[in-house]
Amino acid sequence: SNQSIVFLGSSNNGGMKKLRKEIYTPTDLNNHLLFRLESNDRSLVRVIFCSRNLGDQGVRLLAEALRGNCNLSALDLSSNRIESEGAHSIASLLIHQNNMNSNLDMARGIKTLILSENNLGDDGVRSVARALENNKSLESLWVDDNSIGAVGLKLLSHSLQKNQRLERLHLKHNSFQSLSPLIECAFNKKSLNSVAESNHTLKHVFLNCGYSYECDELER
């Protein structure tokens, strides 16, 4: 099913113009959807594709269809058996879209990316982290429940030191047992240089809110 939302905006003659936008929830990765994404359909602003068993191959097809798309702002790929190869496809898409934005004043591309409940692991996060470094469009990233360990968290944290766009990061139910890399990324007060090199855009980090190590480290 899909939900149509009507936005009202001013037209050239001073009146009101209706702009039809869709939140699209397809049942499968069909040719019709791929065509709409490839053709940069302006009415498609959000695609919810959770729990469809896409796997890495399906994600690759979806990412290829989105390479030239600059209108889709939100993509939900939660619970799709995505592993490191699929994460690499997504990262390549983000890098390609970012390169397309290099000469634009206002970045266009995916702003919300939901990858919760997959199996990216540290190898998959490595690809995503590399894409995050200079990304100018992504504002919210969900990587809850993805078997991310200490290595993956460190990779994400290093990329966020360079990222100047991401505002919300969801990290619940992963495997790391220390937040220190992330804390150093956002609150590094060792020196004036380290403060300057810290991330200055991240506003919300969603954690498990119950593990003792989180409370201890955040209270220091």
C-alpha atoms as a PDB file:
ATOM      1  CA  SER A   1       0.000   0.000   0.000  1.00  0.00           C
ATOM      2  CA  ASN A   2       1.038   3.619  -0.363  1.00  0.00           C
ATOM      3  CA  GLN A   3       0.000   6.821   1.318  1.00  0.00           C
ATOM      4  CA  SER A   4      -0.371  10.025  -0.673  1.00  0.00           C
ATOM      5  CA  ILE A   5       0.303  13.313   1.095  1.00  0.00           C
ATOM      6  CA  VAL A   6      -0.679  16.641  -0.431  1.00  0.00           C
ATOM      7  CA  PHE A   7       1.638  19.568   0.274  1.00  0.00           C
ATOM      8  CA  LEU A   8       0.547  23.110  -0.536  1.00  0.00           C
ATOM      9  CA  GLY A   9       3.059  25.571  -1.931  1.00  0.00           C
ATOM     10  CA  SER A  10       2.893  28.932  -3.645  1.00  0.00           C
ATOM     11  CA  SER A  11       2.802  28.906  -7.434  1.00  0.00           C
ATOM     12  CA  ASN A  12       4.341  31.434  -9.816  1.00  0.00           C
ATOM     13  CA  ASN A  13       1.093  33.383 -10.149  1.00  0.00           C
ATOM     14  CA  GLY A  14       0.719  33.846  -6.400  1.00  0.00           C
ATOM     15  CA  GLY A  15      -1.893  31.144  -5.908  1.00  0.00           C
ATOM     16  CA  MET A  16      -1.570  27.799  -4.165  1.00  0.00           C
ATOM     17  CA  LYS A  17      -0.164  24.773  -5.958  1.00  0.00           C
ATOM     18  CA  LYS A  18      -0.756  21.173  -4.871  1.00  0.00           C
ATOM     19  CA  LEU A  19       2.327  18.961  -4.785  1.00  0.00           C
ATOM     20  CA  ARG A  20       1.550  15.266  -4.486  1.00  0.00           C
ATOM     21  CA  LYS A  21       4.037  13.274  -2.446  1.00  0.00           C
ATOM     22  CA  GLU A  22       3.957   9.599  -1.556  1.00  0.00           C
ATOM     23  CA  ILE A  23       5.052   7.383   1.277  1.00  0.00           C
ATOM     24  CA  TYR A  24       5.377   4.107  -0.609  1.00  0.00           C
ATOM     25  CA  THR A  25       5.302   0.684   1.054  1.00  0.00           C
ATOM     26  CA  PRO A  26       5.757  -1.893  -1.732  1.00  0.00           C
ATOM     27  CA  THR A  27       5.230  -5.590  -1.183  1.00  0.00           C
ATOM     28  CA  ASP A  28       8.202  -6.644  -3.298  1.00  0.00           C
ATOM     29  CA  LEU A  29      11.064  -5.272  -5.370  1.00  0.00           C
ATOM     30  CA  ASN A  30       9.131  -5.067  -8.632  1.00  0.00           C
ATOM     31  CA  ASN A  31      10.128  -3.567 -11.967  1.00  0.00           C
ATOM     32  CA  HIS A  32       7.521  -0.827 -11.619  1.00  0.00           C
ATOM     33  CA  LEU A  33       9.114   0.444  -8.402  1.00  0.00           C
ATOM     34  CA  LEU A  34      12.641   0.240  -9.842  1.00  0.00           C
ATOM     35  CA  PHE A  35      11.503   2.196 -12.905  1.00  0.00           C
ATOM     36  CA  ARG A  36       9.946   4.925 -10.758  1.00  0.00           C
ATOM     37  CA  LEU A  37      13.144   5.230  -8.739  1.00  0.00           C
ATOM     38  CA  GLU A  38      15.379   5.211 -11.810  1.00  0.00           C
ATOM     39  CA  SER A  39      13.240   7.869 -13.513  1.00  0.00           C
ATOM     40  CA  ASN A  40      13.534  10.149 -10.471  1.00  0.00           C
ATOM     41  CA  ASP A  41       9.783  10.181  -9.810  1.00  0.00           C
ATOM     42  CA  ARG A  42       9.230  13.433  -7.916  1.00  0.00           C
ATOM     43  CA  SER A  43       6.208  12.101  -6.034  1.00  0.00           C
ATOM     44  CA  LEU A  44       8.249   9.376  -4.298  1.00  0.00           C
ATOM     45  CA  VAL A  45       9.757  10.938  -1.201  1.00  0.00           C
ATOM     46  CA  ARG A  46       9.834   7.988   1.202  1.00  0.00           C
ATOM     47  CA  VAL A  47      10.053   4.250   0.574  1.00  0.00           C
ATOM     48  CA  ILE A  48       9.343   1.853   3.445  1.00  0.00           C
ATOM     49  CA  PHE A  49      10.755  -1.531   2.481  1.00  0.00           C
ATOM     50  CA  CYS A  50      11.095  -3.324   5.820  1.00  0.00           C
ATOM     51  CA  SER A  51      10.883  -7.094   6.398  1.00  0.00           C
ATOM     52  CA  ARG A  52      10.901  -8.018   2.682  1.00  0.00           C
ATOM     53  CA  ASN A  53      13.883 -10.421   2.702  1.00  0.00           C
ATOM     54  CA  LEU A  54      15.769  -8.325   0.160  1.00  0.00           C
ATOM     55  CA  GLY A  55      19.176  -9.688   1.065  1.00  0.00           C
ATOM     56  CA  ASP A  56      22.374  -8.264  -0.383  1.00  0.00           C
ATOM     57  CA  GLN A  57      21.356  -8.894  -4.000  1.00  0.00           C
ATOM     58  CA  GLY A  58      18.049  -7.064  -3.658  1.00  0.00           C
ATOM     59  CA  VAL A  59      19.750  -4.122  -1.975  1.00  0.00           C
ATOM     60  CA  ARG A  60      22.247  -3.960  -4.821  1.00  0.00           C
ATOM     61  CA  LEU A  61      19.414  -3.672  -7.379  1.00  0.00           C
ATOM     62  CA  LEU A  62      17.697  -1.013  -5.292  1.00  0.00           C
ATOM     63  CA  ALA A  63      20.911   0.983  -4.857  1.00  0.00           C
ATOM     64  CA  GLU A  64      21.592   0.886  -8.594  1.00  0.00           C
ATOM     65  CA  ALA A  65      18.085   2.209  -9.296  1.00  0.00           C
ATOM     66  CA  LEU A  66      18.640   5.086  -6.868  1.00  0.00           C
ATOM     67  CA  ARG A  67      21.980   6.294  -8.226  1.00  0.00           C
ATOM     68  CA  GLY A  68      20.438   9.129 -10.218  1.00  0.00           C
ATOM     69  CA  ASN A  69      17.561   9.807  -7.838  1.00  0.00           C
ATOM     70  CA  CYS A  70      17.670  13.104  -5.953  1.00  0.00           C
ATOM     71  CA  ASN A  71      14.059  13.264  -4.708  1.00  0.00           C
ATOM     72  CA  LEU A  72      13.851  10.292  -2.342  1.00  0.00           C
ATOM     73  CA  SER A  73      14.533  11.610   1.169  1.00  0.00           C
ATOM     74  CA  ALA A  74      13.824   8.567   3.372  1.00  0.00           C
ATOM     75  CA  LEU A  75      14.566   4.872   2.899  1.00  0.00           C
ATOM     76  CA  ASP A  76      13.607   2.151   5.382  1.00  0.00           C
ATOM     77  CA  LEU A  77      15.426  -1.154   4.800  1.00  0.00           C
ATOM     78  CA  SER A  78      15.077  -2.626   8.282  1.00  0.00           C
ATOM     79  CA  SER A  79      14.865  -6.417   8.747  1.00  0.00           C
ATOM     80  CA  ASN A  80      16.018  -7.391   5.253  1.00  0.00           C
ATOM     81  CA  ARG A  81      18.909  -9.811   5.937  1.00  0.00           C
ATOM     82  CA  ILE A  82      21.429  -7.211   4.774  1.00  0.00           C
ATOM     83  CA  GLU A  83      25.052  -8.127   5.444  1.00  0.00           C
ATOM     84  CA  SER A  84      28.406  -6.561   4.578  1.00  0.00           C
ATOM     85  CA  GLU A  85      27.967  -6.825   0.795  1.00  0.00           C
ATOM     86  CA  GLY A  86      24.610  -5.037   0.952  1.00  0.00           C
ATOM     87  CA  ALA A  87      26.120  -2.394   3.228  1.00  0.00           C
ATOM     88  CA  HIS A  88      28.788  -1.810   0.585  1.00  0.00           C
ATOM     89  CA  SER A  89      26.053  -1.223  -2.045  1.00  0.00           C
ATOM     90  CA  ILE A  90      24.323   1.293   0.217  1.00  0.00           C
ATOM     91  CA  ALA A  91      27.605   3.050   0.975  1.00  0.00           C
ATOM     92  CA  SER A  92      28.428   3.293  -2.735  1.00  0.00           C
ATOM     93  CA  LEU A  93      25.018   4.881  -3.309  1.00  0.00           C
ATOM     94  CA  LEU A  94      25.602   7.472  -0.577  1.00  0.00           C
ATOM     95  CA  ILE A  95      29.041   8.332  -1.975  1.00  0.00           C
ATOM     96  CA  HIS A  96      27.635   8.662  -5.501  1.00  0.00           C
ATOM     97  CA  GLN A  97      24.815  10.935  -4.344  1.00  0.00           C
ATOM     98  CA  ASN A  98      27.276  13.022  -2.370  1.00  0.00           C
ATOM     99  CA  ASN A  99      29.482  13.469  -5.435  1.00  0.00           C
ATOM    100  CA  MET A 100      26.407  14.648  -7.351  1.00  0.00           C
ATOM    101  CA  ASN A 101      25.898  17.283  -4.642  1.00  0.00           C
ATOM    102  CA  SER A 102      29.446  18.614  -4.804  1.00  0.00           C
ATOM    103  CA  ASN A 103      28.507  21.624  -6.938  1.00  0.00           C
ATOM    104  CA  LEU A 104      25.146  22.351  -5.295  1.00  0.00           C
ATOM    105  CA  ASP A 105      24.493  24.856  -2.528  1.00  0.00           C
ATOM    106  CA  MET A 106      21.764  22.663  -0.990  1.00  0.00           C
ATOM    107  CA  ALA A 107      22.414  18.915  -0.715  1.00  0.00           C
ATOM    108  CA  ARG A 108      19.822  16.584  -2.188  1.00  0.00           C
ATOM    109  CA  GLY A 109      19.527  12.880  -1.505  1.00  0.00           C
ATOM    110  CA  ILE A 110      18.630  10.480   1.272  1.00  0.00           C
ATOM    111  CA  LYS A 111      18.183  12.283   4.595  1.00  0.00           C
ATOM    112  CA  THR A 112      16.859   9.385   6.683  1.00  0.00           C
ATOM    113  CA  LEU A 113      18.300   5.872   6.309  1.00  0.00           C
ATOM    114  CA  ILE A 114      16.952   3.024   8.451  1.00  0.00           C
ATOM    115  CA  LEU A 115      19.061  -0.164   8.488  1.00  0.00           C
ATOM    116  CA  SER A 116      17.882  -1.577  11.814  1.00  0.00           C
ATOM    117  CA  GLU A 117      17.702  -5.327  12.520  1.00  0.00           C
ATOM    118  CA  ASN A 118      20.053  -6.493   9.797  1.00  0.00           C
ATOM    119  CA  ASN A 119      23.481  -8.090  10.108  1.00  0.00           C
ATOM    120  CA  LEU A 120      25.907  -5.424   8.933  1.00  0.00           C
ATOM    121  CA  GLY A 121      28.556  -6.325  11.497  1.00  0.00           C
ATOM    122  CA  ASP A 122      31.836  -4.467  11.727  1.00  0.00           C
ATOM    123  CA  ASP A 123      32.693  -5.148   8.068  1.00  0.00           C
ATOM    124  CA  GLY A 124      29.422  -3.631   6.854  1.00  0.00           C
ATOM    125  CA  VAL A 125      29.758  -0.651   9.176  1.00  0.00           C
ATOM    126  CA  ARG A 126      33.225  -0.042   7.744  1.00  0.00           C
ATOM    127  CA  SER A 127      31.623   0.717   4.366  1.00  0.00           C
ATOM    128  CA  VAL A 128      28.885   2.876   5.874  1.00  0.00           C
ATOM    129  CA  ALA A 129      31.418   4.805   7.958  1.00  0.00           C
ATOM    130  CA  ARG A 130      33.506   5.574   4.898  1.00  0.00           C
ATOM    131  CA  ALA A 131      30.413   6.965   3.144  1.00  0.00           C
ATOM    132  CA  LEU A 132      29.529   9.092   6.182  1.00  0.00           C
ATOM    133  CA  GLU A 133      32.806  10.998   6.318  1.00  0.00           C
ATOM    134  CA  ASN A 134      31.930  13.705   3.801  1.00  0.00           C
ATOM    135  CA  ASN A 135      28.207  13.098   3.348  1.00  0.00           C
ATOM    136  CA  LYS A 136      26.200  16.312   3.048  1.00  0.00           C
ATOM    137  CA  SER A 137      22.615  15.020   3.038  1.00  0.00           C
ATOM    138  CA  LEU A 138      22.129  12.250   5.631  1.00  0.00           C
ATOM    139  CA  GLU A 139      20.606  13.587   8.865  1.00  0.00           C
ATOM    140  CA  SER A 140      19.343  10.400  10.589  1.00  0.00           C
ATOM    141  CA  LEU A 141      20.970   6.963  10.557  1.00  0.00           C
ATOM    142  CA  TRP A 142      19.493   3.862  12.217  1.00  0.00           C
ATOM    143  CA  VAL A 143      21.865   0.919  12.728  1.00  0.00           C
ATOM    144  CA  ASP A 144      20.183  -0.672  15.753  1.00  0.00           C
ATOM    145  CA  ASP A 145      20.598  -4.417  16.236  1.00  0.00           C
ATOM    146  CA  ASN A 146      23.324  -4.994  13.647  1.00  0.00           C
ATOM    147  CA  SER A 147      25.994  -6.909  15.593  1.00  0.00           C
ATOM    148  CA  ILE A 148      28.249  -3.845  15.708  1.00  0.00           C
ATOM    149  CA  GLY A 149      31.204  -4.431  17.997  1.00  0.00           C
ATOM    150  CA  ALA A 150      33.986  -2.256  19.359  1.00  0.00           C
ATOM    151  CA  VAL A 151      35.728  -2.078  15.961  1.00  0.00           C
ATOM    152  CA  GLY A 152      32.546  -0.953  14.218  1.00  0.00           C
ATOM    153  CA  LEU A 153      31.792   1.712  16.806  1.00  0.00           C
ATOM    154  CA  LYS A 154      35.340   3.051  16.508  1.00  0.00           C
ATOM    155  CA  LEU A 155      35.012   3.243  12.715  1.00  0.00           C
ATOM    156  CA  LEU A 156      31.716   5.105  13.006  1.00  0.00           C
ATOM    157  CA  SER A 157      33.166   7.497  15.558  1.00  0.00           C
ATOM    158  CA  HIS A 158      36.184   8.336  13.391  1.00  0.00           C
ATOM    159  CA  SER A 159      33.928   9.053  10.415  1.00  0.00           C
ATOM    160  CA  LEU A 160      31.732  11.335  12.524  1.00  0.00           C
ATOM    161  CA  GLN A 161      34.736  13.502  13.347  1.00  0.00           C
ATOM    162  CA  LYS A 162      34.715  14.508   9.663  1.00  0.00           C
ATOM    163  CA  ASN A 163      30.945  14.448   9.125  1.00  0.00           C
ATOM    164  CA  GLN A 164      29.204  17.814   9.476  1.00  0.00           C
ATOM    165  CA  ARG A 165      25.611  16.817   8.716  1.00  0.00           C
ATOM    166  CA  LEU A 166      24.356  13.849  10.736  1.00  0.00           C
ATOM    167  CA  GLU A 167      22.113  14.834  13.666  1.00  0.00           C
ATOM    168  CA  ARG A 168      20.594  11.553  14.896  1.00  0.00           C
ATOM    169  CA  LEU A 169      22.298   8.177  15.327  1.00  0.00           C
ATOM    170  CA  HIS A 170      20.454   5.069  16.541  1.00  0.00           C
ATOM    171  CA  LEU A 171      22.750   2.430  18.060  1.00  0.00           C
ATOM    172  CA  LYS A 172      20.551   0.292  20.320  1.00  0.00           C
ATOM    173  CA  HIS A 173      21.114  -3.453  20.800  1.00  0.00           C
ATOM    174  CA  ASN A 174      24.592  -3.878  19.368  1.00  0.00           C
ATOM    175  CA  SER A 175      27.644  -5.760  20.650  1.00  0.00           C
ATOM    176  CA  PHE A 176      30.057  -3.042  21.814  1.00  0.00           C
ATOM    177  CA  GLN A 177      30.665  -2.723  25.546  1.00  0.00           C
ATOM    178  CA  SER A 178      32.135   0.773  25.716  1.00  0.00           C
ATOM    179  CA  LEU A 179      31.050   4.158  24.406  1.00  0.00           C
ATOM    180  CA  SER A 180      34.469   5.774  24.728  1.00  0.00           C
ATOM    181  CA  PRO A 181      35.155   6.140  20.954  1.00  0.00           C
ATOM    182  CA  LEU A 182      31.836   7.902  20.461  1.00  0.00           C
ATOM    183  CA  ILE A 183      32.268  10.094  23.533  1.00  0.00           C
ATOM    184  CA  GLU A 184      35.722  11.171  22.355  1.00  0.00           C
ATOM    185  CA  CYS A 185      34.283  11.952  18.931  1.00  0.00           C
ATOM    186  CA  ALA A 186      31.618  14.300  20.282  1.00  0.00           C
ATOM    187  CA  PHE A 187      33.130  15.574  23.564  1.00  0.00           C
ATOM    188  CA  ASN A 188      36.882  15.493  23.158  1.00  0.00           C
ATOM    189  CA  LYS A 189      38.171  18.171  25.573  1.00  0.00           C
ATOM    190  CA  LYS A 190      41.824  17.123  25.738  1.00  0.00           C
ATOM    191  CA  SER A 191      42.978  20.239  23.922  1.00  0.00           C
ATOM    192  CA  LEU A 192      41.733  23.137  21.820  1.00  0.00           C
ATOM    193  CA  ASN A 193      42.621  21.193  18.694  1.00  0.00           C
ATOM    194  CA  SER A 194      40.687  18.126  19.829  1.00  0.00           C
ATOM    195  CA  VAL A 195      37.637  20.294  20.604  1.00  0.00           C
ATOM    196  CA  ALA A 196      37.822  21.804  17.142  1.00  0.00           C
ATOM    197  CA  GLU A 197      38.096  18.370  15.563  1.00  0.00           C
ATOM    198  CA  SER A 198      35.098  16.970  17.452  1.00  0.00           C
ATOM    199  CA  ASN A 199      31.734  16.470  15.788  1.00  0.00           C
ATOM    200  CA  HIS A 200      29.545  19.590  16.082  1.00  0.00           C
ATOM    201  CA  THR A 201      26.291  18.492  14.412  1.00  0.00           C
ATOM    202  CA  LEU A 202      25.277  15.286  16.225  1.00  0.00           C
ATOM    203  CA  LYS A 203      22.368  16.094  18.547  1.00  0.00           C
ATOM    204  CA  HIS A 204      20.807  12.753  19.510  1.00  0.00           C
ATOM    205  CA  VAL A 205      22.402   9.324  20.041  1.00  0.00           C
ATOM    206  CA  PHE A 206      19.917   6.580  20.902  1.00  0.00           C
ATOM    207  CA  LEU A 207      21.362   3.864  23.134  1.00  0.00           C
ATOM    208  CA  ASN A 208      20.057   0.933  25.164  1.00  0.00           C
ATOM    209  CA  CYS A 209      19.333   3.148  28.195  1.00  0.00           C
ATOM    210  CA  GLY A 210      19.837   0.488  30.805  1.00  0.00           C
ATOM    211  CA  TYR A 211      23.283  -0.997  30.449  1.00  0.00           C
ATOM    212  CA  SER A 212      25.486  -0.031  33.374  1.00  0.00           C
ATOM    213  CA  TYR A 213      28.512   0.826  31.224  1.00  0.00           C
ATOM    214  CA  GLU A 214      26.487   3.478  29.393  1.00  0.00           C
ATOM    215  CA  CYS A 215      25.450   5.226  32.608  1.00  0.00           C
ATOM    216  CA  ASP A 216      28.989   5.070  34.051  1.00  0.00           C
ATOM    217  CA  GLU A 217      30.719   6.423  30.964  1.00  0.00           C
ATOM    218  CA  LEU A 218      28.174   9.166  30.223  1.00  0.00           C
ATOM    219  CA  GLU A 219      28.349  10.468  33.803  1.00  0.00           C
ATOM    220  CA  ARG A 220      32.122  11.001  33.739  1.00  0.00           C
END
